C-alpha atoms as a PDB file:
ATOM      1  CA  UNK A   1      73.057   3.144  96.164  1.00  0.00           C
ATOM      2  CA  UNK A   2      74.560   5.076  93.260  1.00  0.00           C
ATOM      3  CA  UNK A   3      73.025   8.296  94.629  1.00  0.00           C
ATOM      4  CA  UNK A   4      75.284   7.942  97.680  1.00  0.00           C
ATOM      5  CA  UNK A   5      78.598   7.271  95.906  1.00  0.00           C
ATOM      6  CA  UNK A   6      78.278   9.250  92.671  1.00  0.00           C
ATOM      7  CA  UNK A   7      79.060  12.672  94.248  1.00  0.00           C
ATOM      8  CA  UNK A   8      82.378  11.404  95.619  1.00  0.00           C
ATOM      9  CA  UNK A   9      83.552  10.259  92.201  1.00  0.00           C
ATOM     10  CA  UNK A  10      84.150  13.959  91.470  1.00  0.00           C
ATOM     11  CA  UNK A  11      87.586  15.023  92.694  1.00  0.00           C
ATOM     12  CA  UNK A  12      86.610  18.282  94.406  1.00  0.00           C
ATOM     13  CA  UNK A  13      83.789  16.577  96.326  1.00  0.00           C
ATOM     14  CA  UNK A  14      86.189  13.837  97.421  1.00  0.00           C
ATOM     15  CA  UNK A  15      88.628  16.482  98.694  1.00  0.00           C
ATOM     16  CA  UNK A  16      85.727  18.176 100.494  1.00  0.00           C
ATOM     17  CA  UNK A  17      84.977  14.863 102.216  1.00  0.00           C
ATOM     18  CA  UNK A  18      88.586  14.560 103.392  1.00  0.00           C
ATOM     19  CA  UNK A  19      88.533  18.166 104.587  1.00  0.00           C
ATOM     20  CA  UNK A  20      85.289  17.610 106.478  1.00  0.00           C
ATOM     21  CA  UNK A  21      86.669  14.456 108.074  1.00  0.00           C
ATOM     22  CA  UNK A  22      89.833  16.232 109.235  1.00  0.00           C
ATOM     23  CA  UNK A  23      87.867  19.224 110.546  1.00  0.00           C
ATOM     24  CA  UNK A  24      85.468  16.834 112.317  1.00  0.00           C
ATOM     25  CA  UNK A  25      88.398  15.111 114.016  1.00  0.00           C
ATOM     26  CA  UNK A  26      89.984  18.396 115.112  1.00  0.00           C
ATOM     27  CA  UNK A  27      86.661  19.722 116.372  1.00  0.00           C
ATOM     28  CA  UNK A  28      85.913  16.450 118.171  1.00  0.00           C
ATOM     29  CA  UNK A  29      89.177  16.708 120.139  1.00  0.00           C
ATOM     30  CA  UNK A  30      88.729  20.382 120.982  1.00  0.00           C
ATOM     31  CA  UNK A  31      84.937  20.486 121.135  1.00  0.00           C
ATOM     32  CA  UNK A  32      84.800  17.764 123.786  1.00  0.00           C
ATOM     33  CA  UNK A  33      86.654  20.046 126.199  1.00  0.00           C
ATOM     34  CA  UNK A  34      84.540  23.025 125.106  1.00  0.00           C
ATOM     35  CA  UNK A  35      81.303  21.151 125.893  1.00  0.00           C
ATOM     36  CA  UNK A  36      82.531  19.668 129.166  1.00  0.00           C
ATOM     37  CA  UNK A  37      83.973  23.003 130.294  1.00  0.00           C
ATOM     38  CA  UNK A  38      80.881  24.971 129.233  1.00  0.00           C
ATOM     39  CA  UNK A  39      82.787  27.228 126.822  1.00  0.00           C
ATOM     40  CA  UNK A  40      80.355  27.155 123.887  1.00  0.00           C
ATOM     41  CA  UNK A  41      79.668  30.900 123.997  1.00  0.00           C
ATOM     42  CA  UNK A  42      83.394  31.603 124.040  1.00  0.00           C
ATOM     43  CA  UNK A  43      83.909  29.345 121.026  1.00  0.00           C
ATOM     44  CA  UNK A  44      81.181  31.164 119.120  1.00  0.00           C
ATOM     45  CA  UNK A  45      82.616  34.564 120.049  1.00  0.00           C
ATOM     46  CA  UNK A  46      86.129  33.579 118.986  1.00  0.00           C
ATOM     47  CA  UNK A  47      84.962  32.151 115.671  1.00  0.00           C
ATOM     48  CA  UNK A  48      83.250  35.419 114.753  1.00  0.00           C
ATOM     49  CA  UNK A  49      85.891  37.560 116.444  1.00  0.00           C
ATOM     50  CA  UNK A  50      88.314  36.633 113.671  1.00  0.00           C
ATOM     51  CA  UNK A  51      86.428  38.777 111.176  1.00  0.00           C
ATOM     52  CA  UNK A  52      88.468  42.002 111.696  1.00  0.00           C
ATOM     53  CA  UNK A  53      91.774  40.238 111.046  1.00  0.00           C
ATOM     54  CA  UNK A  54      90.441  38.345 108.034  1.00  0.00           C
ATOM     55  CA  UNK A  55      88.788  41.459 106.601  1.00  0.00           C
ATOM     56  CA  UNK A  56      91.887  43.599 107.080  1.00  0.00           C
ATOM     57  CA  UNK A  57      94.153  40.962 105.561  1.00  0.00           C
ATOM     58  CA  UNK A  58      91.812  40.648 102.582  1.00  0.00           C
ATOM     59  CA  UNK A  59      91.625  44.414 102.134  1.00  0.00           C
ATOM     60  CA  UNK A  60      95.426  44.780 102.256  1.00  0.00           C
ATOM     61  CA  UNK A  61      96.109  41.683 100.169  1.00  0.00           C
ATOM     62  CA  UNK A  62      97.769  39.873 103.063  1.00  0.00           C
ATOM     63  CA  UNK A  63      97.615  36.296 104.333  1.00  0.00           C
ATOM     64  CA  UNK A  64      94.096  35.480 105.569  1.00  0.00           C
ATOM     65  CA  UNK A  65      95.357  32.754 107.877  1.00  0.00           C
ATOM     66  CA  UNK A  66      97.770  35.140 109.579  1.00  0.00           C
ATOM     67  CA  UNK A  67      95.056  37.784 109.894  1.00  0.00           C
ATOM     68  CA  UNK A  68      92.698  35.250 111.452  1.00  0.00           C
ATOM     69  CA  UNK A  69      95.367  34.075 113.897  1.00  0.00           C
ATOM     70  CA  UNK A  70      96.198  37.633 115.007  1.00  0.00           C
ATOM     71  CA  UNK A  71      92.546  38.541 115.438  1.00  0.00           C
ATOM     72  CA  UNK A  72      91.794  35.348 117.376  1.00  0.00           C
ATOM     73  CA  UNK A  73      94.867  35.970 119.530  1.00  0.00           C
ATOM     74  CA  UNK A  74      93.667  39.492 120.307  1.00  0.00           C
ATOM     75  CA  UNK A  75      90.249  38.092 121.213  1.00  0.00           C
ATOM     76  CA  UNK A  76      91.844  35.538 123.544  1.00  0.00           C
ATOM     77  CA  UNK A  77      93.986  38.164 125.270  1.00  0.00           C
ATOM     78  CA  UNK A  78      90.986  40.455 125.643  1.00  0.00           C
ATOM     79  CA  UNK A  79      88.832  37.744 127.216  1.00  0.00           C
ATOM     80  CA  UNK A  80      91.655  36.798 129.592  1.00  0.00           C
ATOM     81  CA  UNK A  81      92.308  40.417 130.607  1.00  0.00           C
ATOM     82  CA  UNK A  82      88.653  41.366 131.142  1.00  0.00           C
ATOM     83  CA  UNK A  83      87.956  38.046 132.876  1.00  0.00           C
ATOM     84  CA  UNK A  84      90.372  38.991 135.656  1.00  0.00           C
ATOM     85  CA  UNK A  85      88.137  41.883 136.708  1.00  0.00           C
ATOM     86  CA  UNK A  86      86.088  41.032 139.775  1.00  0.00           C
ATOM     87  CA  UNK A  87      83.353  43.404 138.604  1.00  0.00           C
ATOM     88  CA  UNK A  88      82.740  41.725 135.251  1.00  0.00           C
ATOM     89  CA  UNK A  89      81.625  38.149 134.671  1.00  0.00           C
ATOM     90  CA  UNK A  90      83.385  36.220 131.928  1.00  0.00           C
ATOM     91  CA  UNK A  91      80.145  36.042 129.898  1.00  0.00           C
ATOM     92  CA  UNK A  92      79.904  39.845 129.968  1.00  0.00           C
ATOM     93  CA  UNK A  93      83.509  40.224 128.818  1.00  0.00           C
ATOM     94  CA  UNK A  94      83.023  37.681 126.036  1.00  0.00           C
ATOM     95  CA  UNK A  95      79.782  39.325 124.911  1.00  0.00           C
ATOM     96  CA  UNK A  96      81.347  42.786 124.744  1.00  0.00           C
ATOM     97  CA  UNK A  97      84.364  41.587 122.784  1.00  0.00           C
ATOM     98  CA  UNK A  98      82.165  39.468 120.521  1.00  0.00           C
ATOM     99  CA  UNK A  99      79.986  42.415 119.493  1.00  0.00           C
ATOM    100  CA  UNK A 100      82.930  44.813 119.278  1.00  0.00           C
ATOM    101  CA  UNK A 101      85.115  42.571 117.112  1.00  0.00           C
ATOM    102  CA  UNK A 102      82.233  41.546 114.854  1.00  0.00           C
ATOM    103  CA  UNK A 103      81.172  45.166 114.358  1.00  0.00           C
ATOM    104  CA  UNK A 104      84.737  46.209 113.588  1.00  0.00           C
ATOM    105  CA  UNK A 105      85.047  43.416 111.070  1.00  0.00           C
ATOM    106  CA  UNK A 106      81.820  44.363 109.286  1.00  0.00           C
ATOM    107  CA  UNK A 107      82.960  47.999 109.149  1.00  0.00           C
ATOM    108  CA  UNK A 108      86.249  46.943 107.534  1.00  0.00           C
ATOM    109  CA  UNK A 109      84.549  44.557 105.101  1.00  0.00           C
ATOM    110  CA  UNK A 110      82.027  47.246 104.119  1.00  0.00           C
ATOM    111  CA  UNK A 111      84.867  49.186 102.480  1.00  0.00           C
ATOM    112  CA  UNK A 112      85.267  46.332 100.020  1.00  0.00           C
ATOM    113  CA  UNK A 113      83.213  46.338  96.827  1.00  0.00           C
ATOM    114  CA  UNK A 114      82.447  42.658  97.366  1.00  0.00           C
ATOM    115  CA  UNK A 115      81.011  43.122 100.855  1.00  0.00           C
ATOM    116  CA  UNK A 116      78.263  40.491 100.632  1.00  0.00           C
ATOM    117  CA  UNK A 117      80.467  37.903  98.940  1.00  0.00           C
ATOM    118  CA  UNK A 118      83.340  38.368 101.406  1.00  0.00           C
ATOM    119  CA  UNK A 119      81.089  38.113 104.452  1.00  0.00           C
ATOM    120  CA  UNK A 120      79.313  35.051 103.047  1.00  0.00           C
ATOM    121  CA  UNK A 121      82.655  33.385 102.379  1.00  0.00           C
ATOM    122  CA  UNK A 122      83.776  34.118 105.928  1.00  0.00           C
ATOM    123  CA  UNK A 123      80.632  32.590 107.449  1.00  0.00           C
ATOM    124  CA  UNK A 124      80.171  29.585 105.161  1.00  0.00           C
ATOM    125  CA  UNK A 125      83.562  29.057 103.539  1.00  0.00           C
ATOM    126  CA  UNK A 126      83.838  27.023 100.359  1.00  0.00           C
ATOM    127  CA  UNK A 127      84.396  23.405 101.264  1.00  0.00           C
ATOM    128  CA  UNK A 128      84.122  22.392  97.612  1.00  0.00           C
ATOM    129  CA  UNK A 129      87.148  24.542  96.759  1.00  0.00           C
ATOM    130  CA  UNK A 130      89.528  22.708  99.100  1.00  0.00           C
ATOM    131  CA  UNK A 131      93.027  22.175  97.706  1.00  0.00           C
ATOM    132  CA  UNK A 132      95.577  19.503  98.530  1.00  0.00           C
ATOM    133  CA  UNK A 133      97.600  22.124 100.419  1.00  0.00           C
ATOM    134  CA  UNK A 134      94.596  22.843 102.652  1.00  0.00           C
ATOM    135  CA  UNK A 135      94.360  19.168 103.549  1.00  0.00           C
ATOM    136  CA  UNK A 136      98.011  19.260 104.592  1.00  0.00           C
ATOM    137  CA  UNK A 137      97.362  22.216 106.919  1.00  0.00           C
ATOM    138  CA  UNK A 138      94.369  20.457 108.452  1.00  0.00           C
ATOM    139  CA  UNK A 139      96.346  17.245 108.973  1.00  0.00           C
ATOM    140  CA  UNK A 140      99.100  19.192 110.747  1.00  0.00           C
ATOM    141  CA  UNK A 141      96.524  20.969 112.926  1.00  0.00           C
ATOM    142  CA  UNK A 142      95.015  17.581 113.837  1.00  0.00           C
ATOM    143  CA  UNK A 143      98.409  16.269 114.953  1.00  0.00           C
ATOM    144  CA  UNK A 144      98.986  19.353 117.132  1.00  0.00           C
ATOM    145  CA  UNK A 145      95.471  19.196 118.639  1.00  0.00           C
ATOM    146  CA  UNK A 146      95.844  15.487 119.413  1.00  0.00           C
ATOM    147  CA  UNK A 147      99.270  16.016 120.995  1.00  0.00           C
ATOM    148  CA  UNK A 148      98.135  18.896 123.228  1.00  0.00           C
ATOM    149  CA  UNK A 149      94.975  17.009 124.238  1.00  0.00           C
ATOM    150  CA  UNK A 150      97.025  13.943 125.186  1.00  0.00           C
ATOM    151  CA  UNK A 151      99.713  15.860 127.087  1.00  0.00           C
ATOM    152  CA  UNK A 152      97.228  18.035 128.953  1.00  0.00           C
ATOM    153  CA  UNK A 153      94.559  15.370 129.479  1.00  0.00           C
ATOM    154  CA  UNK A 154      94.840  15.183 133.276  1.00  0.00           C
ATOM    155  CA  UNK A 155      94.830  18.960 133.709  1.00  0.00           C
ATOM    156  CA  UNK A 156      91.949  19.419 131.276  1.00  0.00           C
ATOM    157  CA  UNK A 157      89.833  16.809 133.068  1.00  0.00           C
ATOM    158  CA  UNK A 158      90.417  18.429 136.452  1.00  0.00           C
ATOM    159  CA  UNK A 159      89.714  21.884 135.005  1.00  0.00           C
ATOM    160  CA  UNK A 160      86.478  20.722 133.353  1.00  0.00           C
ATOM    161  CA  UNK A 161      84.983  19.152 136.466  1.00  0.00           C
ATOM    162  CA  UNK A 162      86.550  20.911 139.464  1.00  0.00           C
ATOM    163  CA  UNK A 163      88.924  23.870 138.922  1.00  0.00           C
ATOM    164  CA  UNK A 164      89.507  24.210 142.688  1.00  0.00           C
ATOM    165  CA  UNK A 165      90.624  20.598 142.938  1.00  0.00           C
ATOM    166  CA  UNK A 166      92.905  21.171 139.967  1.00  0.00           C
ATOM    167  CA  UNK A 167      94.531  23.986 141.923  1.00  0.00           C
ATOM    168  CA  UNK A 168      94.862  21.754 144.988  1.00  0.00           C
ATOM    169  CA  UNK A 169      96.504  19.020 142.899  1.00  0.00           C
ATOM    170  CA  UNK A 170      98.909  21.616 141.452  1.00  0.00           C
ATOM    171  CA  UNK A 171      97.692  20.994 137.922  1.00  0.00           C
ATOM    172  CA  UNK A 172      97.989  24.694 137.080  1.00  0.00           C
ATOM    173  CA  UNK A 173      94.377  25.375 136.015  1.00  0.00           C
ATOM    174  CA  UNK A 174      95.217  28.820 134.628  1.00  0.00           C
ATOM    175  CA  UNK A 175      97.786  27.328 132.288  1.00  0.00           C
ATOM    176  CA  UNK A 176      95.338  24.566 131.358  1.00  0.00           C
ATOM    177  CA  UNK A 177      92.675  27.177 130.590  1.00  0.00           C
ATOM    178  CA  UNK A 178      95.151  29.096 128.430  1.00  0.00           C
ATOM    179  CA  UNK A 179      95.984  25.881 126.567  1.00  0.00           C
ATOM    180  CA  UNK A 180      92.262  25.250 125.995  1.00  0.00           C
ATOM    181  CA  UNK A 181      91.927  28.732 124.536  1.00  0.00           C
ATOM    182  CA  UNK A 182      94.896  27.928 122.316  1.00  0.00           C
ATOM    183  CA  UNK A 183      93.230  24.705 121.149  1.00  0.00           C
ATOM    184  CA  UNK A 184      90.015  26.540 120.326  1.00  0.00           C
ATOM    185  CA  UNK A 185      91.989  29.139 118.399  1.00  0.00           C
ATOM    186  CA  UNK A 186      93.865  26.407 116.525  1.00  0.00           C
ATOM    187  CA  UNK A 187      90.673  24.574 115.551  1.00  0.00           C
ATOM    188  CA  UNK A 188      88.945  27.730 114.346  1.00  0.00           C
ATOM    189  CA  UNK A 189      91.889  29.308 112.533  1.00  0.00           C
ATOM    190  CA  UNK A 190      92.974  26.074 110.853  1.00  0.00           C
ATOM    191  CA  UNK A 191      89.489  25.311 109.589  1.00  0.00           C
ATOM    192  CA  UNK A 192      87.628  28.547 108.914  1.00  0.00           C
ATOM    193  CA  UNK A 193      89.241  29.388 105.557  1.00  0.00           C
ATOM    194  CA  UNK A 194      88.226  25.964 104.294  1.00  0.00           C
ATOM    195  CA  UNK A 195      84.726  25.556 105.709  1.00  0.00           C
ATOM    196  CA  UNK A 196      83.791  28.925 107.243  1.00  0.00           C
ATOM    197  CA  UNK A 197      83.130  29.917 110.839  1.00  0.00           C
ATOM    198  CA  UNK A 198      79.535  28.638 110.823  1.00  0.00           C
ATOM    199  CA  UNK A 199      80.588  25.083 109.969  1.00  0.00           C
ATOM    200  CA  UNK A 200      83.550  25.152 112.358  1.00  0.00           C
ATOM    201  CA  UNK A 201      81.331  26.181 115.265  1.00  0.00           C
ATOM    202  CA  UNK A 202      78.606  23.657 114.431  1.00  0.00           C
ATOM    203  CA  UNK A 203      81.152  20.812 114.289  1.00  0.00           C
ATOM    204  CA  UNK A 204      82.848  22.127 117.426  1.00  0.00           C
ATOM    205  CA  UNK A 205      79.656  21.902 119.505  1.00  0.00           C
ATOM    206  CA  UNK A 206      77.001  19.623 117.972  1.00  0.00           C
ATOM    207  CA  UNK A 207      78.902  16.284 117.611  1.00  0.00           C
ATOM    208  CA  UNK A 208      80.520  16.370 121.102  1.00  0.00           C
ATOM    209  CA  UNK A 209      77.195  17.438 122.647  1.00  0.00           C
ATOM    210  CA  UNK A 210      75.506  14.489 120.916  1.00  0.00           C
ATOM    211  CA  UNK A 211      78.252  12.084 121.997  1.00  0.00           C
ATOM    212  CA  UNK A 212      78.021  13.140 125.659  1.00  0.00           C
ATOM    213  CA  UNK A 213      74.443  11.829 125.706  1.00  0.00           C
ATOM    214  CA  UNK A 214      75.615   8.284 124.952  1.00  0.00           C
ATOM    215  CA  UNK A 215      79.104   7.747 126.381  1.00  0.00           C
ATOM    216  CA  UNK A 216      80.869   8.851 129.566  1.00  0.00           C
ATOM    217  CA  UNK A 217      84.589   8.352 128.994  1.00  0.00           C
ATOM    218  CA  UNK A 218      86.312  11.332 127.410  1.00  0.00           C
ATOM    219  CA  UNK A 219      88.278   9.369 124.745  1.00  0.00           C
ATOM    220  CA  UNK A 220      85.016   7.656 123.754  1.00  0.00           C
ATOM    221  CA  UNK A 221      83.246  11.034 123.530  1.00  0.00           C
ATOM    222  CA  UNK A 222      85.984  12.292 121.193  1.00  0.00           C
ATOM    223  CA  UNK A 223      85.766   9.190 118.990  1.00  0.00           C
ATOM    224  CA  UNK A 224      81.966   9.231 118.757  1.00  0.00           C
ATOM    225  CA  UNK A 225      81.999  12.990 118.107  1.00  0.00           C
ATOM    226  CA  UNK A 226      84.475  12.505 115.235  1.00  0.00           C
ATOM    227  CA  UNK A 227      82.221   9.816 113.731  1.00  0.00           C
ATOM    228  CA  UNK A 228      79.134  12.015 114.054  1.00  0.00           C
ATOM    229  CA  UNK A 229      80.962  14.950 112.466  1.00  0.00           C
ATOM    230  CA  UNK A 230      82.126  12.754 109.588  1.00  0.00           C
ATOM    231  CA  UNK A 231      78.585  11.431 109.129  1.00  0.00           C
ATOM    232  CA  UNK A 232      77.303  15.024 109.004  1.00  0.00           C
ATOM    233  CA  UNK A 233      79.923  15.798 106.342  1.00  0.00           C
ATOM    234  CA  UNK A 234      78.815  12.855 104.198  1.00  0.00           C
ATOM    235  CA  UNK A 235      75.120  13.697 104.612  1.00  0.00           C
ATOM    236  CA  UNK A 236      75.742  17.362 103.897  1.00  0.00           C
ATOM    237  CA  UNK A 237      77.818  16.767 100.775  1.00  0.00           C
ATOM    238  CA  UNK A 238      75.365  14.220  99.351  1.00  0.00           C
ATOM    239  CA  UNK A 239      72.425  16.480 100.143  1.00  0.00           C
ATOM    240  CA  UNK A 240      74.184  19.480  98.627  1.00  0.00           C
ATOM    241  CA  UNK A 241      74.965  17.535  95.456  1.00  0.00           C
ATOM    242  CA  UNK A 242      71.399  16.328  94.873  1.00  0.00           C
ATOM    243  CA  UNK A 243      69.483  19.365  96.168  1.00  0.00           C
ATOM    244  CA  UNK A 244      71.773  22.082  94.843  1.00  0.00           C
ATOM    245  CA  UNK A 245      72.228  23.694  98.259  1.00  0.00           C
ATOM    246  CA  UNK A 246      75.306  25.354  99.795  1.00  0.00           C
ATOM    247  CA  UNK A 247      77.634  22.559 100.910  1.00  0.00           C
ATOM    248  CA  UNK A 248      78.969  24.203 104.083  1.00  0.00           C
ATOM    249  CA  UNK A 249      75.549  25.237 105.367  1.00  0.00           C
ATOM    250  CA  UNK A 250      74.100  21.795 104.550  1.00  0.00           C
ATOM    251  CA  UNK A 251      76.874  20.078 106.516  1.00  0.00           C
ATOM    252  CA  UNK A 252      76.254  22.449 109.419  1.00  0.00           C
ATOM    253  CA  UNK A 253      72.514  21.744 109.347  1.00  0.00           C
ATOM    254  CA  UNK A 254      73.188  17.997 109.228  1.00  0.00           C
ATOM    255  CA  UNK A 255      75.421  18.226 112.318  1.00  0.00           C
ATOM    256  CA  UNK A 256      72.719  20.050 114.278  1.00  0.00           C
ATOM    257  CA  UNK A 257      70.042  17.629 113.036  1.00  0.00           C
ATOM    258  CA  UNK A 258      72.145  14.651 114.176  1.00  0.00           C
ATOM    259  CA  UNK A 259      72.412  16.249 117.627  1.00  0.00           C
ATOM    260  CA  UNK A 260      68.632  16.515 117.940  1.00  0.00           C
ATOM    261  CA  UNK A 261      68.181  12.941 116.695  1.00  0.00           C
ATOM    262  CA  UNK A 262      70.748  11.819 119.252  1.00  0.00           C
ATOM    263  CA  UNK A 263      68.986  13.748 122.004  1.00  0.00           C
ATOM    264  CA  UNK A 264      65.659  12.179 120.998  1.00  0.00           C
ATOM    265  CA  UNK A 265      67.193   8.698 120.952  1.00  0.00           C
ATOM    266  CA  UNK A 266      68.794   9.247 124.361  1.00  0.00           C
ATOM    267  CA  UNK A 267      65.480  10.417 125.807  1.00  0.00           C
ATOM    268  CA  UNK A 268      63.671   7.358 124.405  1.00  0.00           C
ATOM    269  CA  UNK A 269      66.349   5.084 125.859  1.00  0.00           C
ATOM    270  CA  UNK A 270      66.043   6.796 129.245  1.00  0.00           C
ATOM    271  CA  UNK A 271      62.258   6.384 129.312  1.00  0.00           C
ATOM    272  CA  UNK A 272      62.468   2.737 128.261  1.00  0.00           C
ATOM    273  CA  UNK A 273      64.926   2.078 131.075  1.00  0.00           C
ATOM    274  CA  UNK A 274      62.590   3.755 133.555  1.00  0.00           C
ATOM    275  CA  UNK A 275      59.669   1.650 132.319  1.00  0.00           C
ATOM    276  CA  UNK A 276      61.797  -1.489 132.475  1.00  0.00           C
ATOM    277  CA  UNK A 277      62.914  -0.693 136.011  1.00  0.00           C
ATOM    278  CA  UNK A 278      59.355   0.039 137.157  1.00  0.00           C
ATOM    279  CA  UNK A 279      58.070  -3.151 135.550  1.00  0.00           C
ATOM    280  CA  UNK A 280      60.861  -5.188 137.113  1.00  0.00           C
ATOM    281  CA  UNK A 281      59.980  -3.923 140.565  1.00  0.00           C
END
């Protein structure tokens, strides 16, 4: 079993494990609502829509986190504004902003002499370069995400399953939707500079989607999703250490692989139950 524990004896790999665990927990809380609400495309668009702010901040020597937050905020406002038009579907508005923001970001980054490196860092991050300060930011983001999820639980549930009923119950679905957008922004902005947008999005979608196949209660989905995300982090870091692959991309691939394994297991369970029921009759 030394092959499993040896990588984590190195300090920067151990910090990467803590970072992955914190990101997995944040993404489990937020991603559960994203999956239940059917907002995966929006999450993807927002994660890549941060590129202009990050690129501009990097070019000007500013704070990358602030640039990401401003860019994500602009993306959120744009989606909200265009979504109010009766002539445009929300998917169309998201798609237009997604392409526009990503193109703008690439144009800005292309002015840098380290174009390829900067863009690669934005997509994949550098989880092995996590500092103690980064862990503090992630821990604070987790506390905020957990607090908002707990306070808005009733409104989020109603919004996810029946927005019209939420309006009838005076649960203010528009405010709840705005809070969900804020949670998505928080998860992406807090995590991208550590693990990259690719890993954030994979952990935001894959673990909750896998958990939904096995459990029904929302708190249970969040817990199982956090465990799956943490397992993907461990698998990815161990695989990266022994195979010499990029850590962030390996973690992302592990998260997606665990989803497909979960889907396969759920399908086998469903068929066995059908056979058992048929045999019992």
